[in-house]
């Protein structure tokens, strides 16, 4: 089993990478800068189409069994409605939405070879049914990637490629902050259980790390 995880240098992505490696699976992590350890890494800024092409070339014909689209940013954390610069919108959608699409697009041949599956990390903050206000940029981008994931699930069903969309929980990472509800290990264990259960029967699902469905 070969797993590729974007944004794997820290936080949830790093936790997932370490957990898959501990299970004895081949894991490829992506990061924007210098790799944090001697493992197998690919340099990838998900905003950069050239990086995606280079990644595809580096992988060659390697079959992928699972792609985890984890890389994401939260540029408007703590902003008020009067703070939002246009750049925050552009950056969030470039990473959280376009970056996911470009990753899937680049690696689709590898997923086909490996009868692979795709796991996209969205957030309950992207749920249209839950609209408590604030964090407009992050919420909108996570709603968009939820929509992207569900449409990919429809279009890739004929090829047998399952696509799941997941809320990792409010996690004590650099993004989530020290007051978050769960630690990284809890999020990782839950997410891996969801990934293990991802098949054509659950393709298009939007689930929390604990398995509970998230309303759209």
N, C-alpha and C. Protein backbone atom coordinates (compact mmCIF):
# COMPACT_ATOMS: atom_id res chain seq x y z
N UNK A 1 0.85 -1.18 0.00
CA UNK A 1 0.00 0.00 0.00
C UNK A 1 0.89 1.24 0.00
N UNK A 2 0.73 2.11 -0.98
CA UNK A 2 1.48 3.36 -1.04
C UNK A 2 0.52 4.52 -0.83
N UNK A 3 0.82 5.32 0.16
CA UNK A 3 -0.03 6.45 0.54
C UNK A 3 0.74 7.73 0.27
N UNK A 4 0.08 8.71 -0.33
CA UNK A 4 0.68 10.04 -0.48
C UNK A 4 -0.16 11.04 0.29
N UNK A 5 0.49 11.84 1.13
CA UNK A 5 -0.18 12.81 1.99
C UNK A 5 0.38 14.19 1.70
N UNK A 6 -0.47 15.12 1.33
CA UNK A 6 0.00 16.49 1.12
C UNK A 6 0.03 17.23 2.46
N UNK A 7 0.94 18.19 2.56
CA UNK A 7 1.05 18.96 3.80
C UNK A 7 1.41 18.09 4.98
N UNK A 8 2.41 17.21 4.80
CA UNK A 8 2.71 16.18 5.80
C UNK A 8 3.85 16.55 6.74
N UNK A 9 4.33 17.78 6.68
CA UNK A 9 5.48 18.14 7.50
C UNK A 9 5.12 18.44 8.95
N UNK A 10 3.85 18.72 9.24
CA UNK A 10 3.47 19.07 10.60
C UNK A 10 1.99 18.80 10.81
N UNK A 11 1.57 18.95 12.06
CA UNK A 11 0.15 18.86 12.38
C UNK A 11 -0.47 17.51 12.05
N UNK A 12 -1.70 17.55 11.58
CA UNK A 12 -2.43 16.32 11.27
C UNK A 12 -1.73 15.54 10.17
N UNK A 13 -1.22 16.24 9.16
CA UNK A 13 -0.54 15.55 8.07
C UNK A 13 0.66 14.77 8.56
N UNK A 14 1.44 15.36 9.45
CA UNK A 14 2.60 14.66 10.01
C UNK A 14 2.15 13.46 10.84
N UNK A 15 1.09 13.66 11.63
CA UNK A 15 0.58 12.55 12.42
C UNK A 15 0.12 11.39 11.56
N UNK A 16 -0.57 11.69 10.46
CA UNK A 16 -1.01 10.64 9.55
C UNK A 16 0.18 9.94 8.91
N UNK A 17 1.15 10.72 8.47
CA UNK A 17 2.34 10.12 7.85
C UNK A 17 3.01 9.15 8.81
N UNK A 18 3.21 9.57 10.06
CA UNK A 18 3.88 8.71 11.03
C UNK A 18 3.06 7.46 11.34
N UNK A 19 1.75 7.61 11.40
CA UNK A 19 0.89 6.47 11.73
C UNK A 19 0.86 5.45 10.59
N UNK A 20 0.79 5.91 9.36
CA UNK A 20 0.84 4.97 8.24
C UNK A 20 2.18 4.26 8.18
N UNK A 21 3.27 4.99 8.41
CA UNK A 21 4.59 4.38 8.40
C UNK A 21 4.70 3.33 9.51
N UNK A 22 4.12 3.62 10.67
CA UNK A 22 4.16 2.67 11.78
C UNK A 22 3.41 1.39 11.47
N UNK A 23 2.43 1.48 10.57
CA UNK A 23 1.71 0.28 10.13
C UNK A 23 2.47 -0.50 9.06
N UNK A 24 3.63 0.00 8.68
CA UNK A 24 4.45 -0.69 7.71
C UNK A 24 4.12 -0.38 6.26
N UNK A 25 3.38 0.71 6.04
CA UNK A 25 3.00 1.06 4.68
C UNK A 25 3.98 2.07 4.09
N UNK A 26 4.12 2.04 2.80
CA UNK A 26 4.97 3.01 2.11
C UNK A 26 4.26 4.35 2.12
N UNK A 27 4.92 5.37 2.63
CA UNK A 27 4.30 6.68 2.75
C UNK A 27 5.17 7.72 2.06
N UNK A 28 4.53 8.56 1.25
CA UNK A 28 5.19 9.68 0.61
C UNK A 28 4.53 10.94 1.15
N UNK A 29 5.33 11.82 1.71
CA UNK A 29 4.80 13.09 2.20
C UNK A 29 5.21 14.22 1.30
N UNK A 30 4.38 15.26 1.24
CA UNK A 30 4.79 16.46 0.52
C UNK A 30 4.95 17.60 1.52
N UNK A 31 5.86 18.50 1.17
CA UNK A 31 6.07 19.70 1.98
C UNK A 31 6.58 20.80 1.08
N UNK A 32 6.44 22.04 1.53
CA UNK A 32 6.85 23.17 0.71
C UNK A 32 8.34 23.47 0.82
N UNK A 33 8.91 23.22 1.97
CA UNK A 33 10.30 23.57 2.19
C UNK A 33 11.18 22.35 2.38
N UNK A 34 12.17 22.49 3.26
CA UNK A 34 13.10 21.40 3.53
C UNK A 34 12.38 20.28 4.27
N UNK A 35 12.50 19.04 3.82
CA UNK A 35 11.86 17.92 4.53
C UNK A 35 12.32 17.84 5.97
N UNK A 36 11.42 17.53 6.89
CA UNK A 36 11.78 17.53 8.31
C UNK A 36 12.55 16.30 8.76
N UNK A 37 12.63 15.26 7.93
CA UNK A 37 13.35 14.04 8.30
C UNK A 37 13.77 13.32 7.03
N UNK A 38 14.51 12.21 7.15
CA UNK A 38 15.03 11.54 5.95
C UNK A 38 14.03 10.66 5.21
N UNK A 39 12.77 10.69 5.58
CA UNK A 39 11.78 9.86 4.90
C UNK A 39 11.62 10.23 3.44
N UNK A 40 10.62 9.63 2.81
CA UNK A 40 10.38 9.89 1.39
C UNK A 40 9.50 11.13 1.24
N UNK A 41 10.04 12.17 0.64
CA UNK A 41 9.36 13.44 0.52
C UNK A 41 9.39 13.94 -0.91
N UNK A 42 8.36 14.70 -1.26
CA UNK A 42 8.31 15.41 -2.53
C UNK A 42 8.01 16.87 -2.21
N UNK A 43 8.78 17.77 -2.81
CA UNK A 43 8.53 19.20 -2.62
C UNK A 43 7.30 19.60 -3.43
N UNK A 44 6.33 20.18 -2.75
CA UNK A 44 5.08 20.55 -3.41
C UNK A 44 4.46 21.76 -2.74
N UNK A 45 4.33 22.84 -3.48
CA UNK A 45 3.46 23.95 -3.11
C UNK A 45 2.19 23.72 -3.93
N UNK A 46 1.10 23.38 -3.26
CA UNK A 46 -0.10 22.95 -3.98
C UNK A 46 -0.68 24.05 -4.87
N UNK A 47 -0.22 25.29 -4.70
CA UNK A 47 -0.68 26.39 -5.54
C UNK A 47 0.04 26.43 -6.89
N UNK A 48 1.12 25.68 -7.02
CA UNK A 48 2.01 25.81 -8.16
C UNK A 48 1.83 24.66 -9.16
N UNK A 49 1.27 24.91 -10.34
CA UNK A 49 1.10 23.84 -11.33
C UNK A 49 2.41 23.17 -11.71
N UNK A 50 3.51 23.92 -11.73
CA UNK A 50 4.81 23.33 -12.07
C UNK A 50 5.22 22.28 -11.04
N UNK A 51 4.94 22.55 -9.77
CA UNK A 51 5.25 21.57 -8.73
C UNK A 51 4.44 20.30 -8.91
N UNK A 52 3.19 20.45 -9.32
CA UNK A 52 2.35 19.26 -9.56
C UNK A 52 2.90 18.43 -10.71
N UNK A 53 3.32 19.10 -11.77
CA UNK A 53 3.90 18.36 -12.89
C UNK A 53 5.19 17.65 -12.48
N UNK A 54 6.02 18.33 -11.68
CA UNK A 54 7.25 17.71 -11.21
C UNK A 54 6.96 16.52 -10.30
N UNK A 55 5.93 16.63 -9.47
CA UNK A 55 5.55 15.52 -8.60
C UNK A 55 5.13 14.31 -9.43
N UNK A 56 4.31 14.54 -10.43
CA UNK A 56 3.86 13.44 -11.28
C UNK A 56 5.05 12.78 -11.97
N UNK A 57 6.01 13.58 -12.43
CA UNK A 57 7.19 13.03 -13.07
C UNK A 57 8.04 12.23 -12.09
N UNK A 58 8.16 12.73 -10.87
CA UNK A 58 8.95 12.03 -9.85
C UNK A 58 8.34 10.68 -9.49
N UNK A 59 7.02 10.61 -9.47
CA UNK A 59 6.35 9.35 -9.13
C UNK A 59 6.36 8.37 -10.29
N UNK A 60 6.37 8.90 -11.52
CA UNK A 60 6.36 8.02 -12.67
C UNK A 60 5.16 7.11 -12.67
N UNK A 61 5.40 5.81 -12.76
CA UNK A 61 4.31 4.83 -12.82
C UNK A 61 3.96 4.25 -11.45
N UNK A 62 4.45 4.86 -10.37
CA UNK A 62 4.16 4.35 -9.03
C UNK A 62 2.66 4.28 -8.78
N UNK A 63 2.11 3.11 -8.45
CA UNK A 63 0.68 3.05 -8.14
C UNK A 63 0.40 3.58 -6.74
N UNK A 64 -0.65 4.36 -6.60
CA UNK A 64 -1.06 4.88 -5.30
C UNK A 64 -2.33 4.20 -4.84
N UNK A 65 -2.34 3.76 -3.60
CA UNK A 65 -3.55 3.15 -3.05
C UNK A 65 -4.41 4.16 -2.30
N UNK A 66 -3.79 5.25 -1.83
CA UNK A 66 -4.54 6.28 -1.12
C UNK A 66 -3.85 7.63 -1.29
N UNK A 67 -4.63 8.63 -1.65
CA UNK A 67 -4.18 10.02 -1.69
C UNK A 67 -4.93 10.78 -0.61
N UNK A 68 -4.19 11.39 0.30
CA UNK A 68 -4.79 12.20 1.36
C UNK A 68 -4.49 13.67 1.07
N UNK A 69 -5.52 14.42 0.72
CA UNK A 69 -5.38 15.86 0.44
C UNK A 69 -5.58 16.61 1.75
N UNK A 70 -4.47 16.85 2.42
CA UNK A 70 -4.50 17.44 3.76
C UNK A 70 -4.06 18.89 3.78
N UNK A 71 -3.20 19.31 2.85
CA UNK A 71 -2.64 20.66 2.88
C UNK A 71 -3.75 21.71 2.91
N UNK A 72 -3.63 22.66 3.82
CA UNK A 72 -4.66 23.69 3.92
C UNK A 72 -4.18 24.86 4.77
N UNK A 73 -4.84 25.99 4.61
CA UNK A 73 -4.52 27.19 5.39
C UNK A 73 -5.79 27.82 5.94
N UNK A 74 -5.61 28.65 6.96
CA UNK A 74 -6.72 29.35 7.63
C UNK A 74 -6.30 30.81 7.74
N UNK A 75 -6.31 31.56 6.63
CA UNK A 75 -5.72 32.90 6.63
C UNK A 75 -6.51 33.95 7.38
N UNK A 76 -7.79 33.68 7.67
CA UNK A 76 -8.61 34.71 8.30
C UNK A 76 -8.91 34.41 9.77
N UNK A 77 -8.11 33.57 10.38
CA UNK A 77 -8.34 33.24 11.78
C UNK A 77 -8.23 34.52 12.63
N UNK A 78 -9.28 34.81 13.37
CA UNK A 78 -9.28 35.97 14.25
C UNK A 78 -9.66 37.28 13.60
N UNK A 79 -9.91 37.27 12.29
CA UNK A 79 -10.28 38.51 11.62
C UNK A 79 -11.73 38.86 11.89
N UNK A 80 -12.04 40.16 11.82
CA UNK A 80 -13.43 40.59 11.85
C UNK A 80 -13.89 40.86 10.43
N UNK A 81 -15.17 41.13 10.26
CA UNK A 81 -15.72 41.33 8.93
C UNK A 81 -15.07 42.50 8.21
N UNK A 82 -14.48 43.42 8.95
CA UNK A 82 -13.88 44.60 8.32
C UNK A 82 -12.40 44.40 7.98
N UNK A 83 -11.83 43.24 8.36
CA UNK A 83 -10.41 43.02 8.17
C UNK A 83 -10.04 42.37 6.83
N UNK A 84 -11.00 41.75 6.20
CA UNK A 84 -10.68 40.80 5.12
C UNK A 84 -10.06 41.46 3.89
N UNK A 85 -8.78 41.20 3.61
CA UNK A 85 -8.19 41.67 2.35
C UNK A 85 -8.51 40.68 1.23
N UNK A 86 -8.49 41.16 0.01
CA UNK A 86 -8.76 40.28 -1.13
C UNK A 86 -7.77 39.13 -1.19
N UNK A 87 -6.54 39.39 -0.76
CA UNK A 87 -5.51 38.35 -0.85
C UNK A 87 -5.85 37.13 0.00
N UNK A 88 -6.54 37.34 1.11
CA UNK A 88 -6.90 36.21 1.96
C UNK A 88 -7.82 35.25 1.23
N UNK A 89 -8.77 35.81 0.46
CA UNK A 89 -9.66 34.96 -0.33
C UNK A 89 -8.89 34.20 -1.39
N UNK A 90 -8.03 34.91 -2.11
CA UNK A 90 -7.27 34.28 -3.19
C UNK A 90 -6.37 33.17 -2.66
N UNK A 91 -5.68 33.43 -1.55
CA UNK A 91 -4.76 32.44 -1.00
C UNK A 91 -5.51 31.20 -0.51
N UNK A 92 -6.61 31.40 0.20
CA UNK A 92 -7.35 30.27 0.74
C UNK A 92 -7.89 29.37 -0.36
N UNK A 93 -8.46 29.95 -1.39
CA UNK A 93 -9.01 29.12 -2.47
C UNK A 93 -7.90 28.47 -3.28
N UNK A 94 -6.77 29.17 -3.44
CA UNK A 94 -5.64 28.58 -4.17
C UNK A 94 -5.13 27.32 -3.49
N UNK A 95 -5.06 27.34 -2.16
CA UNK A 95 -4.55 26.19 -1.41
C UNK A 95 -5.64 25.17 -1.13
N UNK A 96 -6.75 25.62 -0.55
CA UNK A 96 -7.75 24.71 -0.01
C UNK A 96 -8.66 24.08 -1.06
N UNK A 97 -8.74 24.70 -2.23
CA UNK A 97 -9.64 24.19 -3.27
C UNK A 97 -8.88 23.84 -4.54
N UNK A 98 -8.31 24.86 -5.19
CA UNK A 98 -7.57 24.60 -6.42
C UNK A 98 -6.42 23.64 -6.17
N UNK A 99 -5.74 23.78 -5.05
CA UNK A 99 -4.63 22.90 -4.73
C UNK A 99 -5.05 21.44 -4.64
N UNK A 100 -6.24 21.20 -4.09
CA UNK A 100 -6.76 19.83 -4.02
C UNK A 100 -7.05 19.31 -5.43
N UNK A 101 -7.70 20.12 -6.24
CA UNK A 101 -8.02 19.68 -7.59
C UNK A 101 -6.76 19.38 -8.40
N UNK A 102 -5.77 20.27 -8.32
CA UNK A 102 -4.54 20.06 -9.07
C UNK A 102 -3.81 18.79 -8.61
N UNK A 103 -3.87 18.50 -7.32
CA UNK A 103 -3.24 17.28 -6.80
C UNK A 103 -3.92 16.04 -7.35
N UNK A 104 -5.24 16.02 -7.30
CA UNK A 104 -5.98 14.88 -7.83
C UNK A 104 -5.73 14.74 -9.33
N UNK A 105 -5.77 15.84 -10.03
CA UNK A 105 -5.55 15.82 -11.47
C UNK A 105 -4.18 15.24 -11.82
N UNK A 106 -3.15 15.68 -11.10
CA UNK A 106 -1.79 15.22 -11.38
C UNK A 106 -1.59 13.75 -11.08
N UNK A 107 -2.28 13.25 -10.04
CA UNK A 107 -2.02 11.89 -9.56
C UNK A 107 -3.07 10.88 -9.98
N UNK A 108 -4.03 11.30 -10.77
CA UNK A 108 -5.08 10.38 -11.20
C UNK A 108 -4.51 9.15 -11.92
N UNK A 109 -3.51 9.29 -12.79
CA UNK A 109 -2.95 8.07 -13.41
C UNK A 109 -2.39 7.10 -12.38
N UNK A 110 -1.75 7.61 -11.33
CA UNK A 110 -1.19 6.74 -10.29
C UNK A 110 -2.28 6.07 -9.47
N UNK A 111 -3.36 6.81 -9.22
CA UNK A 111 -4.50 6.23 -8.50
C UNK A 111 -5.17 5.15 -9.33
N UNK A 112 -5.26 5.36 -10.63
CA UNK A 112 -5.84 4.33 -11.50
C UNK A 112 -5.00 3.05 -11.47
N UNK A 113 -3.69 3.21 -11.49
CA UNK A 113 -2.81 2.04 -11.47
C UNK A 113 -2.92 1.28 -10.15
N UNK A 114 -3.15 2.01 -9.06
CA UNK A 114 -3.19 1.38 -7.75
C UNK A 114 -4.57 1.07 -7.23
N UNK A 115 -5.60 1.21 -8.08
CA UNK A 115 -6.99 1.05 -7.61
C UNK A 115 -7.17 1.88 -6.34
N UNK A 116 -6.69 3.12 -6.40
CA UNK A 116 -6.60 3.94 -5.22
C UNK A 116 -7.88 4.65 -4.82
N UNK A 117 -7.81 5.30 -3.68
CA UNK A 117 -8.92 6.07 -3.12
C UNK A 117 -8.41 7.46 -2.77
N UNK A 118 -9.32 8.39 -2.61
CA UNK A 118 -8.98 9.79 -2.34
C UNK A 118 -9.69 10.23 -1.06
N UNK A 119 -8.92 10.77 -0.12
CA UNK A 119 -9.47 11.33 1.11
C UNK A 119 -9.17 12.83 1.12
N UNK A 120 -10.21 13.63 1.23
CA UNK A 120 -10.07 15.09 1.23
C UNK A 120 -10.44 15.61 2.61
N UNK A 121 -9.53 16.38 3.21
CA UNK A 121 -9.84 16.98 4.50
C UNK A 121 -10.52 18.33 4.28
N UNK A 122 -11.80 18.37 4.65
CA UNK A 122 -12.56 19.62 4.65
C UNK A 122 -12.70 20.05 6.11
N UNK A 123 -13.85 20.49 6.51
CA UNK A 123 -14.08 20.89 7.89
C UNK A 123 -15.57 21.06 8.10
N UNK A 124 -16.01 20.80 9.32
CA UNK A 124 -17.41 21.10 9.66
C UNK A 124 -17.69 22.58 9.51
N UNK A 125 -16.65 23.42 9.52
CA UNK A 125 -16.85 24.85 9.31
C UNK A 125 -17.29 25.16 7.88
N UNK A 126 -17.18 24.19 6.98
CA UNK A 126 -17.67 24.36 5.63
C UNK A 126 -19.11 23.92 5.43
N UNK A 127 -19.75 23.48 6.48
CA UNK A 127 -21.14 23.03 6.38
C UNK A 127 -22.09 24.22 6.20
N UNK A 128 -22.90 24.19 5.15
CA UNK A 128 -23.91 25.23 4.95
C UNK A 128 -24.99 25.18 6.04
N UNK A 129 -25.19 23.99 6.61
CA UNK A 129 -26.22 23.84 7.64
C UNK A 129 -25.78 24.44 8.96
N UNK A 130 -24.49 24.69 9.12
CA UNK A 130 -23.97 25.29 10.34
C UNK A 130 -23.35 26.63 9.94
N UNK A 131 -23.99 27.69 10.30
CA UNK A 131 -23.51 29.02 9.89
C UNK A 131 -23.51 29.98 11.06
N UNK A 132 -22.55 29.82 11.99
CA UNK A 132 -22.54 30.67 13.17
C UNK A 132 -21.88 32.02 12.95
N UNK A 133 -21.42 32.29 11.72
CA UNK A 133 -20.78 33.56 11.42
C UNK A 133 -19.27 33.50 11.59
N UNK A 134 -18.60 34.48 11.02
CA UNK A 134 -17.16 34.58 11.14
C UNK A 134 -16.40 33.62 10.25
N UNK A 135 -15.09 33.80 10.19
CA UNK A 135 -14.19 32.93 9.42
C UNK A 135 -14.71 32.71 8.00
N UNK A 136 -15.12 33.80 7.35
CA UNK A 136 -15.77 33.69 6.04
C UNK A 136 -14.89 33.02 5.00
N UNK A 137 -13.63 33.39 4.97
CA UNK A 137 -12.72 32.85 3.96
C UNK A 137 -12.53 31.35 4.15
N UNK A 138 -12.19 30.95 5.36
CA UNK A 138 -11.95 29.54 5.64
C UNK A 138 -13.22 28.72 5.41
N UNK A 139 -14.34 29.20 5.94
CA UNK A 139 -15.60 28.46 5.79
C UNK A 139 -15.95 28.30 4.31
N UNK A 140 -15.81 29.37 3.53
CA UNK A 140 -16.18 29.30 2.12
C UNK A 140 -15.28 28.33 1.36
N UNK A 141 -13.99 28.35 1.67
CA UNK A 141 -13.07 27.45 0.96
C UNK A 141 -13.32 26.00 1.34
N UNK A 142 -13.67 25.73 2.58
CA UNK A 142 -13.93 24.36 2.99
C UNK A 142 -15.29 23.88 2.46
N UNK A 143 -16.24 24.79 2.30
CA UNK A 143 -17.49 24.42 1.64
C UNK A 143 -17.23 24.08 0.17
N UNK A 144 -16.36 24.85 -0.46
CA UNK A 144 -16.05 24.60 -1.87
C UNK A 144 -15.34 23.26 -2.06
N UNK A 145 -14.42 22.92 -1.17
CA UNK A 145 -13.72 21.64 -1.34
C UNK A 145 -14.63 20.47 -1.01
N UNK A 146 -15.60 20.66 -0.12
CA UNK A 146 -16.63 19.64 0.08
C UNK A 146 -17.39 19.41 -1.22
N UNK A 147 -17.81 20.48 -1.87
CA UNK A 147 -18.52 20.37 -3.14
C UNK A 147 -17.64 19.68 -4.18
N UNK A 148 -16.37 20.06 -4.24
CA UNK A 148 -15.44 19.43 -5.17
C UNK A 148 -15.35 17.93 -4.91
N UNK A 149 -15.19 17.55 -3.66
CA UNK A 149 -15.06 16.14 -3.33
C UNK A 149 -16.28 15.34 -3.69
N UNK A 150 -17.45 15.89 -3.45
CA UNK A 150 -18.67 15.14 -3.76
C UNK A 150 -18.85 14.99 -5.27
N UNK A 151 -18.47 16.00 -6.02
CA UNK A 151 -18.56 15.87 -7.48
C UNK A 151 -17.51 14.93 -8.04
N UNK A 152 -16.31 14.94 -7.46
CA UNK A 152 -15.31 13.96 -7.86
C UNK A 152 -15.80 12.54 -7.58
N UNK A 153 -16.45 12.36 -6.45
CA UNK A 153 -16.99 11.03 -6.12
C UNK A 153 -17.95 10.55 -7.20
N UNK A 154 -18.77 11.45 -7.71
CA UNK A 154 -19.70 11.10 -8.78
C UNK A 154 -18.96 10.75 -10.07
N UNK A 155 -18.01 11.60 -10.46
CA UNK A 155 -17.35 11.41 -11.74
C UNK A 155 -16.37 10.24 -11.75
N UNK A 156 -15.82 9.88 -10.59
CA UNK A 156 -14.85 8.80 -10.54
C UNK A 156 -15.46 7.45 -10.16
N UNK A 157 -16.76 7.46 -9.88
CA UNK A 157 -17.42 6.21 -9.49
C UNK A 157 -17.28 5.14 -10.56
N UNK A 158 -17.43 5.53 -11.82
CA UNK A 158 -17.35 4.54 -12.91
C UNK A 158 -15.98 3.87 -12.97
N UNK A 159 -14.94 4.55 -12.45
CA UNK A 159 -13.60 3.98 -12.45
C UNK A 159 -13.30 3.21 -11.17
N UNK A 160 -14.25 3.18 -10.24
CA UNK A 160 -14.03 2.48 -8.99
C UNK A 160 -13.14 3.21 -8.01
N UNK A 161 -12.98 4.53 -8.19
CA UNK A 161 -12.16 5.33 -7.28
C UNK A 161 -13.07 6.03 -6.28
N UNK A 162 -13.00 5.62 -5.03
CA UNK A 162 -13.84 6.20 -3.98
C UNK A 162 -13.22 7.50 -3.48
N UNK A 163 -14.08 8.46 -3.17
CA UNK A 163 -13.66 9.76 -2.67
C UNK A 163 -14.42 10.07 -1.39
N UNK A 164 -13.72 10.26 -0.29
CA UNK A 164 -14.34 10.63 0.97
C UNK A 164 -13.93 12.03 1.39
N UNK A 165 -14.82 12.72 2.09
CA UNK A 165 -14.55 14.07 2.57
C UNK A 165 -14.70 14.04 4.10
N UNK A 166 -13.73 14.61 4.81
CA UNK A 166 -13.67 14.40 6.26
C UNK A 166 -13.42 15.69 7.05
N UNK A 167 -14.02 15.71 8.22
CA UNK A 167 -13.78 16.75 9.23
C UNK A 167 -12.87 16.13 10.28
N UNK A 168 -11.66 16.65 10.45
CA UNK A 168 -10.74 16.01 11.40
C UNK A 168 -11.05 16.29 12.86
N UNK A 169 -12.03 17.14 13.11
CA UNK A 169 -12.29 17.61 14.46
C UNK A 169 -11.56 18.93 14.69
N UNK A 170 -11.85 19.53 15.83
CA UNK A 170 -11.13 20.74 16.22
C UNK A 170 -9.90 20.26 16.99
N UNK A 171 -8.74 20.36 16.36
CA UNK A 171 -7.55 19.65 16.81
C UNK A 171 -6.51 20.64 17.34
N UNK A 172 -5.83 20.23 18.42
CA UNK A 172 -4.79 21.06 19.01
C UNK A 172 -3.51 21.01 18.17
N UNK A 173 -3.53 21.79 17.10
CA UNK A 173 -2.36 21.97 16.24
C UNK A 173 -2.07 23.47 16.18
N UNK A 174 -1.08 23.83 15.37
CA UNK A 174 -0.80 25.25 15.19
C UNK A 174 -2.02 25.97 14.64
N UNK A 175 -2.76 25.33 13.72
CA UNK A 175 -3.95 25.94 13.16
C UNK A 175 -5.10 25.94 14.16
N UNK A 176 -5.31 24.82 14.84
CA UNK A 176 -6.45 24.70 15.74
C UNK A 176 -6.29 25.46 17.04
N UNK A 177 -5.04 25.62 17.48
CA UNK A 177 -4.79 26.35 18.71
C UNK A 177 -4.82 25.46 19.95
N UNK A 178 -4.30 25.95 21.07
CA UNK A 178 -4.20 25.14 22.29
C UNK A 178 -5.53 24.85 22.97
N UNK A 179 -6.58 25.61 22.63
CA UNK A 179 -7.87 25.41 23.27
C UNK A 179 -8.79 24.46 22.51
N UNK A 180 -8.27 23.79 21.49
CA UNK A 180 -9.09 22.89 20.68
C UNK A 180 -9.53 21.67 21.49
N UNK A 181 -10.47 20.93 20.93
CA UNK A 181 -11.15 19.86 21.68
C UNK A 181 -10.37 18.57 21.77
N UNK A 182 -9.63 18.20 20.74
CA UNK A 182 -8.96 16.90 20.73
C UNK A 182 -7.49 17.07 20.35
N UNK A 183 -6.68 16.06 20.70
CA UNK A 183 -5.27 16.10 20.33
C UNK A 183 -5.07 15.45 18.96
N UNK A 184 -3.87 15.60 18.44
CA UNK A 184 -3.58 15.10 17.10
C UNK A 184 -3.73 13.58 17.02
N UNK A 185 -3.29 12.87 18.06
CA UNK A 185 -3.38 11.40 18.02
C UNK A 185 -4.82 10.94 17.89
N UNK A 186 -5.73 11.60 18.60
CA UNK A 186 -7.15 11.23 18.50
C UNK A 186 -7.68 11.48 17.09
N UNK A 187 -7.33 12.63 16.52
CA UNK A 187 -7.77 12.94 15.16
C UNK A 187 -7.21 11.93 14.17
N UNK A 188 -5.94 11.60 14.32
CA UNK A 188 -5.30 10.67 13.39
C UNK A 188 -5.92 9.28 13.48
N UNK A 189 -6.14 8.78 14.67
CA UNK A 189 -6.75 7.45 14.82
C UNK A 189 -8.13 7.42 14.17
N UNK A 190 -8.91 8.46 14.41
CA UNK A 190 -10.25 8.51 13.83
C UNK A 190 -10.22 8.59 12.32
N UNK A 191 -9.37 9.46 11.80
CA UNK A 191 -9.28 9.62 10.35
C UNK A 191 -8.82 8.34 9.68
N UNK A 192 -7.84 7.65 10.26
CA UNK A 192 -7.37 6.42 9.65
C UNK A 192 -8.45 5.35 9.64
N UNK A 193 -9.27 5.32 10.67
CA UNK A 193 -10.40 4.39 10.66
C UNK A 193 -11.38 4.73 9.55
N UNK A 194 -11.61 6.01 9.32
CA UNK A 194 -12.50 6.42 8.23
C UNK A 194 -11.88 6.08 6.87
N UNK A 195 -10.57 6.32 6.71
CA UNK A 195 -9.92 5.99 5.45
C UNK A 195 -9.99 4.48 5.19
N UNK A 196 -9.77 3.69 6.24
CA UNK A 196 -9.83 2.24 6.08
C UNK A 196 -11.21 1.77 5.62
N UNK A 197 -12.23 2.52 6.02
CA UNK A 197 -13.60 2.15 5.65
C UNK A 197 -14.09 2.78 4.37
N UNK A 198 -13.22 3.54 3.70
CA UNK A 198 -13.63 4.22 2.48
C UNK A 198 -13.69 3.23 1.32
N UNK A 199 -14.88 3.07 0.76
CA UNK A 199 -15.07 2.23 -0.42
C UNK A 199 -16.18 2.83 -1.24
N UNK A 200 -16.63 2.12 -2.25
CA UNK A 200 -17.67 2.69 -3.11
C UNK A 200 -18.99 2.89 -2.37
N UNK A 201 -19.19 2.16 -1.29
CA UNK A 201 -20.40 2.33 -0.51
C UNK A 201 -20.41 3.61 0.31
N UNK A 202 -19.23 4.11 0.64
CA UNK A 202 -19.14 5.34 1.43
C UNK A 202 -18.59 6.51 0.61
N UNK A 203 -18.35 6.30 -0.68
CA UNK A 203 -17.83 7.37 -1.51
C UNK A 203 -18.81 8.55 -1.54
N UNK A 204 -18.28 9.74 -1.44
CA UNK A 204 -19.11 10.94 -1.39
C UNK A 204 -19.56 11.31 -0.01
N UNK A 205 -19.14 10.53 1.02
CA UNK A 205 -19.54 10.81 2.39
C UNK A 205 -18.85 12.07 2.92
N UNK A 206 -19.46 12.69 3.92
CA UNK A 206 -18.84 13.80 4.65
C UNK A 206 -18.95 13.43 6.11
N UNK A 207 -17.85 12.93 6.66
CA UNK A 207 -17.86 12.38 8.00
C UNK A 207 -16.85 13.07 8.90
N UNK A 208 -17.17 13.12 10.19
CA UNK A 208 -16.21 13.54 11.18
C UNK A 208 -15.23 12.40 11.44
N UNK A 209 -14.12 12.72 12.07
CA UNK A 209 -13.13 11.69 12.39
C UNK A 209 -13.70 10.60 13.28
N UNK A 210 -14.75 10.89 14.04
CA UNK A 210 -15.34 9.87 14.91
C UNK A 210 -16.41 9.06 14.20
N UNK A 211 -16.61 9.31 12.91
CA UNK A 211 -17.57 8.53 12.12
C UNK A 211 -18.94 9.14 12.01
N UNK A 212 -19.20 10.21 12.73
CA UNK A 212 -20.53 10.83 12.66
C UNK A 212 -20.65 11.66 11.40
N UNK A 213 -21.83 11.62 10.76
CA UNK A 213 -22.03 12.39 9.53
C UNK A 213 -22.11 13.88 9.83
N UNK A 214 -21.56 14.68 8.93
CA UNK A 214 -21.63 16.13 9.03
C UNK A 214 -22.69 16.63 8.05
N UNK A 215 -23.65 17.43 8.51
CA UNK A 215 -24.65 17.94 7.57
C UNK A 215 -24.00 18.88 6.56
N UNK A 216 -24.51 18.82 5.33
CA UNK A 216 -23.95 19.67 4.30
C UNK A 216 -24.35 21.12 4.53
